Amino acid sequence: MGVNFADTEISHFNSAPAQLVALNQAYFDAYAQNTLLHSAPKNRETLGITWALKKWTVAFQEQRYGELTYIANPSLASKDWTVVKPGYITNLTVGCDISPRWSVSVGAQNLFNKYPGQVSKAAQASSSGAFKYPYYSAYGFMGGYYFAKISFHL
């Protein structure tokens, strides 16, 4: 079992170098600041259990990621930012030792194929429709990952 709480704050930062100011280039503008402050969840909780009986092993993990905010680009108004709601992700692996040196397992990361909410229409328009889902999300935007594994133990 694990719990993580985080609170990101910006206490200060260095001014832009003269070379960038001369070119009218922002160094750490409002977009960069807001992305830093809002792009990661403030909390994450994990509960996991591994059960083993003779040659069988079952590992189960449930994770909850807190809310975060996706800001598609610097010109997007804050009302059009995409809020990624908290998400629950289930991971499951079932394994079997078929001999003292060989084992097989099948499993899934994000078993129920959870996706973050889609980006706002304004965010899609501002990126020419390139991003249907936030490209940063605590649990990704690619859905479930399923696998089979054969292991040889030396």
N, C-alpha and C. Protein backbone atom coordinates (compact mmCIF):
# COMPACT_ATOMS: atom_id res chain seq x y z
N MET A 1 0.85 -1.16 0.00
CA MET A 1 0.00 0.00 0.00
C MET A 1 0.90 1.23 0.00
N GLY A 2 0.54 2.20 -0.81
CA GLY A 2 1.33 3.41 -0.86
C GLY A 2 0.46 4.62 -1.15
N VAL A 3 0.84 5.74 -0.58
CA VAL A 3 0.13 6.99 -0.79
C VAL A 3 1.17 8.08 -1.02
N ASN A 4 0.92 8.92 -2.01
CA ASN A 4 1.82 10.03 -2.29
C ASN A 4 1.01 11.32 -2.42
N PHE A 5 1.42 12.33 -1.71
CA PHE A 5 0.82 13.65 -1.82
C PHE A 5 1.90 14.62 -2.26
N ALA A 6 1.59 15.47 -3.22
CA ALA A 6 2.58 16.43 -3.73
C ALA A 6 1.92 17.79 -3.89
N ASP A 7 2.68 18.81 -3.64
CA ASP A 7 2.21 20.18 -3.84
C ASP A 7 3.33 20.97 -4.49
N THR A 8 3.17 21.28 -5.76
CA THR A 8 4.20 22.00 -6.49
C THR A 8 3.95 23.50 -6.37
N GLU A 9 4.98 24.22 -6.01
CA GLU A 9 4.91 25.68 -5.92
C GLU A 9 6.15 26.26 -6.57
N ILE A 10 6.02 27.47 -7.06
CA ILE A 10 7.17 28.19 -7.62
C ILE A 10 7.47 29.32 -6.65
N SER A 11 8.61 29.24 -5.99
CA SER A 11 8.96 30.29 -5.03
C SER A 11 9.71 31.43 -5.71
N HIS A 12 10.50 31.09 -6.71
CA HIS A 12 11.22 32.12 -7.48
C HIS A 12 11.90 31.44 -8.67
N PHE A 13 12.32 32.24 -9.61
CA PHE A 13 13.11 31.73 -10.73
C PHE A 13 13.94 32.88 -11.27
N ASN A 14 15.00 32.52 -12.00
CA ASN A 14 15.91 33.52 -12.54
C ASN A 14 15.28 34.27 -13.70
N SER A 15 15.67 35.48 -13.87
CA SER A 15 15.20 36.29 -15.00
C SER A 15 15.79 35.74 -16.29
N ALA A 16 15.15 36.08 -17.38
CA ALA A 16 15.63 35.64 -18.69
C ALA A 16 16.98 36.30 -18.99
N PRO A 17 17.89 35.57 -19.61
CA PRO A 17 19.17 36.17 -20.00
C PRO A 17 18.95 37.30 -21.01
N ALA A 18 19.84 38.27 -21.02
CA ALA A 18 19.72 39.44 -21.90
C ALA A 18 19.60 39.03 -23.37
N GLN A 19 20.30 37.97 -23.76
CA GLN A 19 20.25 37.52 -25.16
C GLN A 19 18.82 37.11 -25.56
N LEU A 20 18.10 36.47 -24.66
CA LEU A 20 16.72 36.07 -24.96
C LEU A 20 15.78 37.27 -24.93
N VAL A 21 15.99 38.14 -23.96
CA VAL A 21 15.15 39.35 -23.87
C VAL A 21 15.31 40.18 -25.14
N ALA A 22 16.52 40.28 -25.65
CA ALA A 22 16.77 41.04 -26.87
C ALA A 22 16.02 40.46 -28.07
N LEU A 23 15.77 39.15 -28.05
CA LEU A 23 15.05 38.49 -29.13
C LEU A 23 13.55 38.34 -28.82
N ASN A 24 13.13 38.98 -27.71
CA ASN A 24 11.73 38.92 -27.26
C ASN A 24 11.28 37.48 -27.03
N GLN A 25 12.17 36.67 -26.47
CA GLN A 25 11.87 35.27 -26.17
C GLN A 25 11.61 35.10 -24.68
N ALA A 26 10.53 34.45 -24.36
CA ALA A 26 10.21 34.19 -22.96
C ALA A 26 11.10 33.06 -22.44
N TYR A 27 11.47 33.15 -21.21
CA TYR A 27 12.35 32.16 -20.58
C TYR A 27 11.53 31.18 -19.76
N PHE A 28 10.67 31.69 -18.92
CA PHE A 28 9.81 30.87 -18.07
C PHE A 28 8.47 31.60 -17.98
N ASP A 29 7.75 31.56 -19.09
CA ASP A 29 6.52 32.34 -19.21
C ASP A 29 5.36 31.70 -18.44
N ALA A 30 4.19 32.33 -18.53
CA ALA A 30 3.01 31.85 -17.81
C ALA A 30 2.64 30.43 -18.22
N TYR A 31 2.78 30.11 -19.50
CA TYR A 31 2.48 28.76 -19.98
C TYR A 31 3.38 27.73 -19.29
N ALA A 32 4.67 27.99 -19.26
CA ALA A 32 5.61 27.07 -18.62
C ALA A 32 5.32 26.95 -17.13
N GLN A 33 5.00 28.06 -16.49
CA GLN A 33 4.68 28.03 -15.06
C GLN A 33 3.41 27.22 -14.80
N ASN A 34 2.37 27.47 -15.58
CA ASN A 34 1.12 26.74 -15.38
C ASN A 34 1.27 25.26 -15.69
N THR A 35 2.03 24.93 -16.70
CA THR A 35 2.28 23.53 -17.01
C THR A 35 2.99 22.84 -15.85
N LEU A 36 4.00 23.50 -15.29
CA LEU A 36 4.71 22.94 -14.14
C LEU A 36 3.78 22.75 -12.95
N LEU A 37 2.92 23.71 -12.70
CA LEU A 37 2.05 23.67 -11.53
C LEU A 37 0.88 22.70 -11.66
N HIS A 38 0.39 22.48 -12.86
CA HIS A 38 -0.86 21.74 -13.02
C HIS A 38 -0.76 20.41 -13.77
N SER A 39 0.41 20.03 -14.26
CA SER A 39 0.49 18.86 -15.14
C SER A 39 0.69 17.53 -14.40
N ALA A 40 0.82 17.55 -13.12
CA ALA A 40 0.98 16.31 -12.36
C ALA A 40 -0.10 16.24 -11.29
N PRO A 41 -0.58 15.03 -11.01
CA PRO A 41 -1.61 14.91 -9.97
C PRO A 41 -1.06 15.28 -8.59
N LYS A 42 -1.92 15.79 -7.75
CA LYS A 42 -1.51 16.15 -6.38
C LYS A 42 -1.45 14.92 -5.48
N ASN A 43 -2.03 13.81 -5.93
CA ASN A 43 -1.99 12.61 -5.11
C ASN A 43 -2.04 11.36 -5.98
N ARG A 44 -1.56 10.28 -5.37
CA ARG A 44 -1.60 8.96 -6.01
C ARG A 44 -1.66 7.92 -4.89
N GLU A 45 -2.57 6.99 -5.03
CA GLU A 45 -2.71 5.93 -4.05
C GLU A 45 -2.57 4.58 -4.77
N THR A 46 -1.91 3.64 -4.11
CA THR A 46 -1.67 2.33 -4.69
C THR A 46 -1.96 1.26 -3.64
N LEU A 47 -2.69 0.24 -4.06
CA LEU A 47 -2.95 -0.91 -3.21
C LEU A 47 -2.61 -2.15 -4.03
N GLY A 48 -1.73 -2.98 -3.52
CA GLY A 48 -1.33 -4.16 -4.26
C GLY A 48 -1.25 -5.38 -3.37
N ILE A 49 -1.47 -6.52 -3.96
CA ILE A 49 -1.36 -7.78 -3.23
C ILE A 49 -0.83 -8.85 -4.18
N THR A 50 0.03 -9.68 -3.67
CA THR A 50 0.53 -10.82 -4.44
C THR A 50 0.19 -12.08 -3.67
N TRP A 51 -0.45 -12.99 -4.34
CA TRP A 51 -0.87 -14.25 -3.74
C TRP A 51 -0.12 -15.37 -4.43
N ALA A 52 0.41 -16.30 -3.65
CA ALA A 52 1.15 -17.43 -4.22
C ALA A 52 0.69 -18.72 -3.55
N LEU A 53 0.46 -19.75 -4.34
CA LEU A 53 0.09 -21.05 -3.84
C LEU A 53 0.70 -22.10 -4.75
N LYS A 54 1.62 -22.86 -4.18
CA LYS A 54 2.35 -23.89 -4.92
C LYS A 54 3.00 -23.28 -6.16
N LYS A 55 2.59 -23.67 -7.36
CA LYS A 55 3.25 -23.17 -8.57
C LYS A 55 2.58 -21.92 -9.14
N TRP A 56 1.50 -21.45 -8.54
CA TRP A 56 0.75 -20.30 -9.07
C TRP A 56 1.03 -19.02 -8.31
N THR A 57 1.03 -17.91 -9.04
CA THR A 57 1.18 -16.58 -8.45
C THR A 57 0.19 -15.64 -9.13
N VAL A 58 -0.48 -14.85 -8.32
CA VAL A 58 -1.38 -13.83 -8.84
C VAL A 58 -0.99 -12.51 -8.19
N ALA A 59 -0.72 -11.51 -9.00
CA ALA A 59 -0.39 -10.18 -8.49
C ALA A 59 -1.45 -9.20 -8.98
N PHE A 60 -2.03 -8.46 -8.05
CA PHE A 60 -3.09 -7.50 -8.34
C PHE A 60 -2.67 -6.15 -7.79
N GLN A 61 -2.90 -5.10 -8.57
CA GLN A 61 -2.57 -3.75 -8.13
C GLN A 61 -3.65 -2.80 -8.62
N GLU A 62 -4.14 -1.98 -7.71
CA GLU A 62 -5.10 -0.93 -8.06
C GLU A 62 -4.45 0.41 -7.74
N GLN A 63 -4.45 1.31 -8.72
CA GLN A 63 -3.84 2.62 -8.54
C GLN A 63 -4.88 3.70 -8.81
N ARG A 64 -4.85 4.74 -8.01
CA ARG A 64 -5.71 5.90 -8.23
C ARG A 64 -4.80 7.11 -8.41
N TYR A 65 -5.00 7.80 -9.52
CA TYR A 65 -4.25 9.02 -9.80
C TYR A 65 -5.19 10.20 -9.65
N GLY A 66 -4.73 11.24 -8.99
CA GLY A 66 -5.55 12.43 -8.80
C GLY A 66 -5.68 13.26 -10.07
N GLU A 67 -6.44 14.30 -9.95
CA GLU A 67 -6.75 15.20 -11.06
C GLU A 67 -5.50 15.99 -11.49
N LEU A 68 -5.43 16.28 -12.78
CA LEU A 68 -4.41 17.17 -13.30
C LEU A 68 -5.01 18.00 -14.43
N THR A 69 -4.28 18.98 -14.89
CA THR A 69 -4.77 19.86 -15.95
C THR A 69 -3.83 19.83 -17.14
N TYR A 70 -4.41 19.65 -18.31
CA TYR A 70 -3.64 19.63 -19.56
C TYR A 70 -3.84 20.97 -20.26
N ILE A 71 -2.75 21.63 -20.57
CA ILE A 71 -2.78 22.92 -21.26
C ILE A 71 -2.16 22.70 -22.64
N ALA A 72 -3.01 22.72 -23.66
CA ALA A 72 -2.57 22.34 -25.00
C ALA A 72 -1.51 23.26 -25.58
N ASN A 73 -1.65 24.56 -25.40
CA ASN A 73 -0.65 25.49 -25.92
C ASN A 73 -0.74 26.82 -25.19
N PRO A 74 0.26 27.66 -25.33
CA PRO A 74 0.32 28.91 -24.57
C PRO A 74 -0.83 29.88 -24.84
N SER A 75 -1.40 29.84 -26.03
CA SER A 75 -2.43 30.82 -26.37
C SER A 75 -3.84 30.39 -25.92
N LEU A 76 -3.97 29.20 -25.39
CA LEU A 76 -5.28 28.69 -25.00
C LEU A 76 -5.75 29.34 -23.71
N ALA A 77 -6.98 29.86 -23.72
CA ALA A 77 -7.55 30.50 -22.53
C ALA A 77 -7.73 29.46 -21.43
N SER A 78 -7.58 29.86 -20.17
CA SER A 78 -7.66 28.91 -19.07
C SER A 78 -9.02 28.20 -19.01
N LYS A 79 -10.07 28.83 -19.51
CA LYS A 79 -11.39 28.18 -19.53
C LYS A 79 -11.41 26.98 -20.48
N ASP A 80 -10.45 26.91 -21.41
CA ASP A 80 -10.37 25.82 -22.38
C ASP A 80 -9.33 24.76 -22.03
N TRP A 81 -8.69 24.90 -20.88
CA TRP A 81 -7.76 23.87 -20.44
C TRP A 81 -8.56 22.60 -20.17
N THR A 82 -7.95 21.46 -20.34
CA THR A 82 -8.62 20.18 -20.13
C THR A 82 -8.27 19.64 -18.75
N VAL A 83 -9.28 19.42 -17.95
CA VAL A 83 -9.09 18.82 -16.63
C VAL A 83 -9.21 17.31 -16.78
N VAL A 84 -8.15 16.61 -16.43
CA VAL A 84 -8.15 15.15 -16.47
C VAL A 84 -8.62 14.69 -15.10
N LYS A 85 -9.78 14.09 -15.07
CA LYS A 85 -10.39 13.63 -13.82
C LYS A 85 -9.56 12.51 -13.20
N PRO A 86 -9.71 12.28 -11.90
CA PRO A 86 -9.00 11.17 -11.27
C PRO A 86 -9.31 9.86 -11.98
N GLY A 87 -8.33 8.98 -12.04
CA GLY A 87 -8.50 7.72 -12.73
C GLY A 87 -8.02 6.54 -11.91
N TYR A 88 -8.71 5.43 -12.06
CA TYR A 88 -8.36 4.18 -11.40
C TYR A 88 -7.80 3.22 -12.46
N ILE A 89 -6.65 2.67 -12.18
CA ILE A 89 -5.99 1.77 -13.11
C ILE A 89 -5.74 0.43 -12.40
N THR A 90 -6.13 -0.64 -13.06
CA THR A 90 -5.98 -1.99 -12.50
C THR A 90 -4.91 -2.75 -13.28
N ASN A 91 -3.97 -3.34 -12.55
CA ASN A 91 -2.93 -4.17 -13.13
C ASN A 91 -3.07 -5.58 -12.56
N LEU A 92 -2.92 -6.57 -13.41
CA LEU A 92 -3.09 -7.96 -12.97
C LEU A 92 -2.12 -8.85 -13.72
N THR A 93 -1.46 -9.75 -12.98
CA THR A 93 -0.56 -10.74 -13.59
C THR A 93 -0.83 -12.09 -12.95
N VAL A 94 -0.93 -13.11 -13.77
CA VAL A 94 -1.10 -14.49 -13.31
C VAL A 94 0.08 -15.28 -13.86
N GLY A 95 0.79 -15.97 -12.97
CA GLY A 95 1.96 -16.73 -13.38
C GLY A 95 1.93 -18.16 -12.88
N CYS A 96 2.67 -19.01 -13.58
CA CYS A 96 2.75 -20.42 -13.20
C CYS A 96 4.18 -20.90 -13.42
N ASP A 97 4.73 -21.56 -12.41
CA ASP A 97 6.05 -22.19 -12.54
C ASP A 97 5.83 -23.56 -13.17
N ILE A 98 6.27 -23.72 -14.41
CA ILE A 98 6.04 -25.00 -15.09
C ILE A 98 7.16 -26.01 -14.81
N SER A 99 8.27 -25.53 -14.28
CA SER A 99 9.37 -26.38 -13.82
C SER A 99 10.20 -25.51 -12.87
N PRO A 100 11.21 -26.08 -12.23
CA PRO A 100 12.03 -25.25 -11.33
C PRO A 100 12.71 -24.07 -12.04
N ARG A 101 12.95 -24.17 -13.34
CA ARG A 101 13.65 -23.10 -14.05
C ARG A 101 12.77 -22.32 -15.02
N TRP A 102 11.63 -22.84 -15.37
CA TRP A 102 10.77 -22.18 -16.36
C TRP A 102 9.47 -21.71 -15.72
N SER A 103 9.04 -20.54 -16.15
CA SER A 103 7.74 -20.04 -15.70
C SER A 103 7.09 -19.26 -16.84
N VAL A 104 5.79 -19.20 -16.78
CA VAL A 104 5.03 -18.45 -17.76
C VAL A 104 4.08 -17.52 -17.00
N SER A 105 3.76 -16.40 -17.61
CA SER A 105 2.79 -15.50 -17.00
C SER A 105 2.07 -14.71 -18.09
N VAL A 106 0.88 -14.30 -17.76
CA VAL A 106 0.11 -13.41 -18.61
C VAL A 106 -0.38 -12.29 -17.72
N GLY A 107 -0.57 -11.14 -18.32
CA GLY A 107 -1.01 -10.03 -17.48
C GLY A 107 -1.44 -8.83 -18.28
N ALA A 108 -1.79 -7.82 -17.51
CA ALA A 108 -2.24 -6.56 -18.11
C ALA A 108 -1.86 -5.40 -17.23
N GLN A 109 -1.39 -4.36 -17.85
CA GLN A 109 -1.23 -3.06 -17.22
C GLN A 109 -2.39 -2.23 -17.76
N ASN A 110 -3.17 -1.64 -16.90
CA ASN A 110 -4.39 -0.92 -17.30
C ASN A 110 -5.38 -1.93 -17.91
N LEU A 111 -5.72 -2.92 -17.11
CA LEU A 111 -6.55 -4.06 -17.52
C LEU A 111 -7.84 -3.65 -18.21
N PHE A 112 -8.50 -2.62 -17.71
CA PHE A 112 -9.80 -2.23 -18.26
C PHE A 112 -9.70 -1.14 -19.33
N ASN A 113 -8.48 -0.95 -19.86
CA ASN A 113 -8.26 -0.07 -21.01
C ASN A 113 -8.74 1.36 -20.76
N LYS A 114 -8.40 1.91 -19.60
CA LYS A 114 -8.83 3.26 -19.20
C LYS A 114 -8.02 4.32 -19.95
N TYR A 115 -8.74 5.31 -20.46
CA TYR A 115 -8.13 6.46 -21.12
C TYR A 115 -8.47 7.72 -20.34
N PRO A 116 -7.61 8.72 -20.38
CA PRO A 116 -8.01 10.00 -19.79
C PRO A 116 -9.11 10.62 -20.64
N GLY A 117 -9.81 11.61 -20.11
CA GLY A 117 -10.82 12.30 -20.90
C GLY A 117 -10.20 12.96 -22.12
N GLN A 118 -11.00 13.11 -23.16
CA GLN A 118 -10.50 13.76 -24.37
C GLN A 118 -10.26 15.24 -24.11
N VAL A 119 -9.32 15.81 -24.87
CA VAL A 119 -9.03 17.23 -24.71
C VAL A 119 -10.24 18.04 -25.20
N SER A 120 -10.34 19.25 -24.72
CA SER A 120 -11.45 20.12 -25.09
C SER A 120 -11.44 20.40 -26.60
N LYS A 121 -12.58 20.78 -27.12
CA LYS A 121 -12.67 21.11 -28.56
C LYS A 121 -11.71 22.24 -28.91
N ALA A 122 -11.61 23.22 -28.02
CA ALA A 122 -10.69 24.34 -28.27
C ALA A 122 -9.24 23.86 -28.30
N ALA A 123 -8.90 22.93 -27.41
CA ALA A 123 -7.54 22.39 -27.40
C ALA A 123 -7.26 21.59 -28.65
N GLN A 124 -8.25 20.82 -29.11
CA GLN A 124 -8.07 20.07 -30.36
C GLN A 124 -7.86 21.03 -31.52
N ALA A 125 -8.67 22.09 -31.57
CA ALA A 125 -8.55 23.06 -32.66
C ALA A 125 -7.20 23.77 -32.62
N SER A 126 -6.71 24.07 -31.42
CA SER A 126 -5.45 24.81 -31.30
C SER A 126 -4.25 23.96 -31.70
N SER A 127 -4.43 22.64 -31.73
CA SER A 127 -3.32 21.76 -32.14
C SER A 127 -3.64 21.08 -33.47
N SER A 128 -4.53 21.67 -34.25
CA SER A 128 -4.94 21.13 -35.56
C SER A 128 -5.46 19.70 -35.46
N GLY A 129 -6.05 19.37 -34.31
CA GLY A 129 -6.61 18.04 -34.11
C GLY A 129 -5.58 16.97 -33.87
N ALA A 130 -4.32 17.34 -33.60
CA ALA A 130 -3.26 16.36 -33.45
C ALA A 130 -3.41 15.52 -32.18
N PHE A 131 -4.05 16.07 -31.17
CA PHE A 131 -4.15 15.36 -29.89
C PHE A 131 -5.60 15.15 -29.49
N LYS A 132 -6.01 13.90 -29.47
CA LYS A 132 -7.36 13.55 -29.02
C LYS A 132 -7.38 13.46 -27.50
N TYR A 133 -6.26 12.97 -26.93
CA TYR A 133 -6.11 12.84 -25.48
C TYR A 133 -4.93 13.70 -25.04
N PRO A 134 -4.90 14.10 -23.79
CA PRO A 134 -3.73 14.86 -23.31
C PRO A 134 -2.46 14.04 -23.51
N TYR A 135 -1.43 14.66 -24.06
CA TYR A 135 -0.21 13.89 -24.28
C TYR A 135 0.58 13.70 -22.99
N TYR A 136 0.20 14.39 -21.93
CA TYR A 136 0.70 13.99 -20.62
C TYR A 136 -0.50 13.70 -19.73
N SER A 137 -0.47 12.55 -19.16
CA SER A 137 -1.49 12.08 -18.24
C SER A 137 -0.79 11.11 -17.30
N ALA A 138 -1.21 11.07 -16.07
CA ALA A 138 -0.52 10.22 -15.09
C ALA A 138 -0.52 8.75 -15.50
N TYR A 139 -1.55 8.33 -16.20
CA TYR A 139 -1.60 6.93 -16.61
C TYR A 139 -1.58 6.76 -18.12
N GLY A 140 -1.06 7.73 -18.81
CA GLY A 140 -0.84 7.63 -20.25
C GLY A 140 -2.10 7.80 -21.07
N PHE A 141 -1.96 7.67 -22.37
CA PHE A 141 -3.08 7.86 -23.28
C PHE A 141 -3.13 6.73 -24.32
N MET A 142 -2.50 5.62 -24.01
CA MET A 142 -2.42 4.52 -24.96
C MET A 142 -3.32 3.34 -24.57
N GLY A 143 -4.06 3.46 -23.48
CA GLY A 143 -4.96 2.39 -23.09
C GLY A 143 -4.21 1.23 -22.45
N GLY A 144 -4.82 0.05 -22.53
CA GLY A 144 -4.27 -1.13 -21.87
C GLY A 144 -3.06 -1.71 -22.58
N TYR A 145 -2.25 -2.39 -21.81
CA TYR A 145 -1.07 -3.09 -22.31
C TYR A 145 -1.18 -4.53 -21.81
N TYR A 146 -1.23 -5.47 -22.70
CA TYR A 146 -1.43 -6.87 -22.35
C TYR A 146 -0.21 -7.67 -22.79
N PHE A 147 0.16 -8.67 -22.00
CA PHE A 147 1.40 -9.36 -22.30
C PHE A 147 1.35 -10.83 -21.89
N ALA A 148 2.25 -11.59 -22.48
CA ALA A 148 2.55 -12.97 -22.08
C ALA A 148 4.05 -13.05 -21.97
N LYS A 149 4.52 -13.80 -20.98
CA LYS A 149 5.96 -13.84 -20.73
C LYS A 149 6.38 -15.26 -20.39
N ILE A 150 7.51 -15.67 -20.96
CA ILE A 150 8.13 -16.94 -20.62
C ILE A 150 9.49 -16.60 -20.00
N SER A 151 9.77 -17.17 -18.84
CA SER A 151 11.02 -16.86 -18.13
C SER A 151 11.82 -18.13 -17.89
N PHE A 152 13.13 -17.97 -18.01
CA PHE A 152 14.08 -19.03 -17.66
C PHE A 152 14.95 -18.50 -16.53
N HIS A 153 14.99 -19.17 -15.42
CA HIS A 153 15.75 -18.73 -14.24
C HIS A 153 17.07 -19.47 -14.16
N LEU A 154 18.14 -18.73 -14.11
CA LEU A 154 19.48 -19.34 -14.01
C LEU A 154 19.78 -19.82 -12.61
